[in-house]
Amino acid sequence: RKNALKKILWPDNQYTADQNLMSAINKLRNYLKEMDCTFNLVTKKGDEYYELKHMQDDIDEKMVND
């Protein structure tokens, strides 16, 4: 959960925890992409968690929906 990560990683600075978490997640996403990893971290706006998702699953969903 996002709130748990923020409390663990930035316990004394909740004001910038959102920005720090977003920055860290974006760096991790970029690293995974650079390494040609078939997994990515996904979330929907308003959700309180991140999901490690296999990108093939996303492609399969798009094929079914088209």
N, C-alpha and C. Protein backbone atom coordinates (compact mmCIF):
# COMPACT_ATOMS: atom_id res chain seq x y z
N ARG A 1 0.84 -1.18 0.00
CA ARG A 1 0.00 0.00 0.00
C ARG A 1 0.88 1.24 0.00
N LYS A 2 0.41 2.26 -0.68
CA LYS A 2 1.18 3.49 -0.81
C LYS A 2 1.44 4.14 0.55
N ASN A 3 0.43 4.21 1.38
CA ASN A 3 0.59 4.87 2.68
C ASN A 3 1.62 4.16 3.55
N ALA A 4 1.64 2.85 3.50
CA ALA A 4 2.63 2.09 4.28
C ALA A 4 4.04 2.38 3.79
N LEU A 5 4.23 2.43 2.47
CA LEU A 5 5.55 2.76 1.92
C LEU A 5 6.00 4.14 2.36
N LYS A 6 5.10 5.11 2.31
CA LYS A 6 5.45 6.48 2.70
C LYS A 6 5.84 6.56 4.17
N LYS A 7 5.11 5.86 5.03
CA LYS A 7 5.42 5.89 6.46
C LYS A 7 6.75 5.22 6.77
N ILE A 8 7.06 4.14 6.05
CA ILE A 8 8.31 3.42 6.29
C ILE A 8 9.50 4.19 5.72
N LEU A 9 9.37 4.69 4.50
CA LEU A 9 10.51 5.31 3.82
C LEU A 9 10.74 6.77 4.23
N TRP A 10 9.67 7.50 4.55
CA TRP A 10 9.80 8.91 4.92
C TRP A 10 8.94 9.21 6.15
N PRO A 11 9.28 8.61 7.30
CA PRO A 11 8.43 8.76 8.48
C PRO A 11 8.36 10.18 9.04
N ASP A 12 9.41 10.96 8.85
CA ASP A 12 9.45 12.30 9.43
C ASP A 12 9.05 13.39 8.46
N ASN A 13 8.73 13.03 7.23
CA ASN A 13 8.47 14.05 6.23
C ASN A 13 7.29 13.67 5.35
N GLN A 14 6.11 13.62 5.95
CA GLN A 14 4.92 13.24 5.20
C GLN A 14 4.54 14.26 4.13
N TYR A 15 4.99 15.50 4.29
CA TYR A 15 4.66 16.55 3.33
C TYR A 15 5.20 16.23 1.94
N THR A 16 6.44 15.76 1.86
CA THR A 16 7.05 15.47 0.56
C THR A 16 7.02 13.98 0.22
N ALA A 17 6.42 13.16 1.07
CA ALA A 17 6.40 11.72 0.84
C ALA A 17 5.73 11.36 -0.48
N ASP A 18 4.64 12.03 -0.83
CA ASP A 18 3.96 11.73 -2.10
C ASP A 18 4.88 11.97 -3.29
N GLN A 19 5.56 13.09 -3.29
CA GLN A 19 6.48 13.42 -4.39
C GLN A 19 7.66 12.46 -4.42
N ASN A 20 8.20 12.14 -3.26
CA ASN A 20 9.33 11.22 -3.18
C ASN A 20 8.94 9.83 -3.67
N LEU A 21 7.76 9.36 -3.27
CA LEU A 21 7.30 8.04 -3.68
C LEU A 21 7.08 8.01 -5.19
N MET A 22 6.44 9.03 -5.73
CA MET A 22 6.19 9.09 -7.17
C MET A 22 7.51 9.09 -7.94
N SER A 23 8.47 9.85 -7.47
CA SER A 23 9.77 9.90 -8.11
C SER A 23 10.47 8.54 -8.07
N ALA A 24 10.43 7.88 -6.92
CA ALA A 24 11.07 6.57 -6.78
C ALA A 24 10.40 5.53 -7.68
N ILE A 25 9.09 5.55 -7.75
CA ILE A 25 8.36 4.60 -8.60
C ILE A 25 8.67 4.85 -10.07
N ASN A 26 8.72 6.11 -10.48
CA ASN A 26 9.05 6.43 -11.87
C ASN A 26 10.47 5.99 -12.22
N LYS A 27 11.40 6.16 -11.30
CA LYS A 27 12.77 5.69 -11.54
C LYS A 27 12.81 4.18 -11.69
N LEU A 28 12.06 3.49 -10.85
CA LEU A 28 12.01 2.03 -10.93
C LEU A 28 11.37 1.59 -12.25
N ARG A 29 10.30 2.26 -12.66
CA ARG A 29 9.66 1.94 -13.95
C ARG A 29 10.64 2.13 -15.10
N ASN A 30 11.37 3.24 -15.08
CA ASN A 30 12.35 3.50 -16.14
C ASN A 30 13.45 2.45 -16.15
N TYR A 31 13.90 2.05 -14.97
CA TYR A 31 14.94 1.03 -14.87
C TYR A 31 14.43 -0.30 -15.45
N LEU A 32 13.21 -0.68 -15.09
CA LEU A 32 12.64 -1.92 -15.62
C LEU A 32 12.54 -1.87 -17.15
N LYS A 33 12.15 -0.71 -17.67
CA LYS A 33 12.03 -0.54 -19.12
C LYS A 33 13.40 -0.63 -19.79
N GLU A 34 14.40 0.01 -19.22
CA GLU A 34 15.76 -0.03 -19.77
C GLU A 34 16.31 -1.45 -19.80
N MET A 35 15.92 -2.25 -18.84
CA MET A 35 16.40 -3.63 -18.75
C MET A 35 15.56 -4.58 -19.60
N ASP A 36 14.62 -4.03 -20.37
CA ASP A 36 13.70 -4.83 -21.20
C ASP A 36 12.94 -5.85 -20.37
N CYS A 37 12.60 -5.46 -19.17
CA CYS A 37 11.83 -6.31 -18.27
C CYS A 37 10.39 -6.40 -18.78
N THR A 38 9.79 -7.56 -18.67
CA THR A 38 8.41 -7.73 -19.14
C THR A 38 7.40 -7.41 -18.04
N PHE A 39 7.88 -6.88 -16.93
CA PHE A 39 7.00 -6.47 -15.84
C PHE A 39 7.06 -4.96 -15.67
N ASN A 40 5.98 -4.39 -15.14
CA ASN A 40 5.93 -2.97 -14.85
C ASN A 40 5.08 -2.74 -13.61
N LEU A 41 5.30 -1.63 -12.94
CA LEU A 41 4.47 -1.23 -11.81
C LEU A 41 3.31 -0.41 -12.33
N VAL A 42 2.10 -0.81 -12.00
CA VAL A 42 0.92 -0.08 -12.47
C VAL A 42 0.07 0.31 -11.28
N THR A 43 -0.66 1.38 -11.46
CA THR A 43 -1.63 1.84 -10.48
C THR A 43 -2.67 2.66 -11.22
N LYS A 44 -3.82 2.79 -10.63
CA LYS A 44 -4.85 3.65 -11.17
C LYS A 44 -4.99 4.85 -10.24
N LYS A 45 -5.31 5.99 -10.81
CA LYS A 45 -5.46 7.19 -9.99
C LYS A 45 -6.48 6.93 -8.89
N GLY A 46 -6.08 7.24 -7.68
CA GLY A 46 -6.96 7.05 -6.53
C GLY A 46 -6.77 5.72 -5.82
N ASP A 47 -6.12 4.75 -6.48
CA ASP A 47 -5.84 3.47 -5.82
C ASP A 47 -4.77 3.66 -4.77
N GLU A 48 -4.79 2.84 -3.77
CA GLU A 48 -3.83 2.94 -2.67
C GLU A 48 -2.74 1.88 -2.75
N TYR A 49 -2.54 1.30 -3.91
CA TYR A 49 -1.51 0.27 -4.03
C TYR A 49 -0.89 0.28 -5.42
N TYR A 50 0.27 -0.34 -5.54
CA TYR A 50 0.93 -0.57 -6.82
C TYR A 50 0.85 -2.05 -7.11
N GLU A 51 0.78 -2.39 -8.37
CA GLU A 51 0.73 -3.79 -8.78
C GLU A 51 1.86 -4.05 -9.75
N LEU A 52 2.62 -5.11 -9.51
CA LEU A 52 3.64 -5.54 -10.44
C LEU A 52 2.94 -6.41 -11.46
N LYS A 53 2.90 -5.94 -12.70
CA LYS A 53 2.10 -6.60 -13.72
C LYS A 53 2.97 -7.02 -14.89
N HIS A 54 2.72 -8.23 -15.36
CA HIS A 54 3.41 -8.74 -16.55
C HIS A 54 2.81 -8.03 -17.75
N MET A 55 3.64 -7.43 -18.57
CA MET A 55 3.15 -6.62 -19.68
C MET A 55 2.41 -7.45 -20.72
N GLN A 56 2.69 -8.73 -20.82
CA GLN A 56 1.96 -9.60 -21.75
C GLN A 56 0.48 -9.62 -21.39
N ASP A 57 0.16 -9.56 -20.09
CA ASP A 57 -1.23 -9.52 -19.65
C ASP A 57 -1.94 -8.32 -20.22
N ASP A 58 -1.27 -7.18 -20.24
CA ASP A 58 -1.84 -5.95 -20.78
C ASP A 58 -2.09 -6.09 -22.27
N ILE A 59 -1.17 -6.69 -22.99
CA ILE A 59 -1.33 -6.90 -24.43
C ILE A 59 -2.50 -7.83 -24.69
N ASP A 60 -2.62 -8.90 -23.92
CA ASP A 60 -3.73 -9.84 -24.08
C ASP A 60 -5.07 -9.16 -23.85
N GLU A 61 -5.17 -8.29 -22.84
CA GLU A 61 -6.41 -7.57 -22.57
C GLU A 61 -6.79 -6.67 -23.73
N LYS A 62 -5.81 -5.98 -24.32
CA LYS A 62 -6.08 -5.10 -25.44
C LYS A 62 -6.57 -5.89 -26.64
N MET A 63 -6.01 -7.07 -26.87
CA MET A 63 -6.43 -7.90 -28.00
C MET A 63 -7.86 -8.37 -27.81
N VAL A 64 -8.25 -8.70 -26.59
CA VAL A 64 -9.60 -9.16 -26.31
C VAL A 64 -10.59 -8.01 -26.47
N ASN A 65 -10.20 -6.81 -26.05
CA ASN A 65 -11.11 -5.66 -26.09
C ASN A 65 -11.23 -5.04 -27.47
N ASP A 66 -10.32 -5.31 -28.39
CA ASP A 66 -10.38 -4.71 -29.73
C ASP A 66 -11.27 -5.48 -30.66
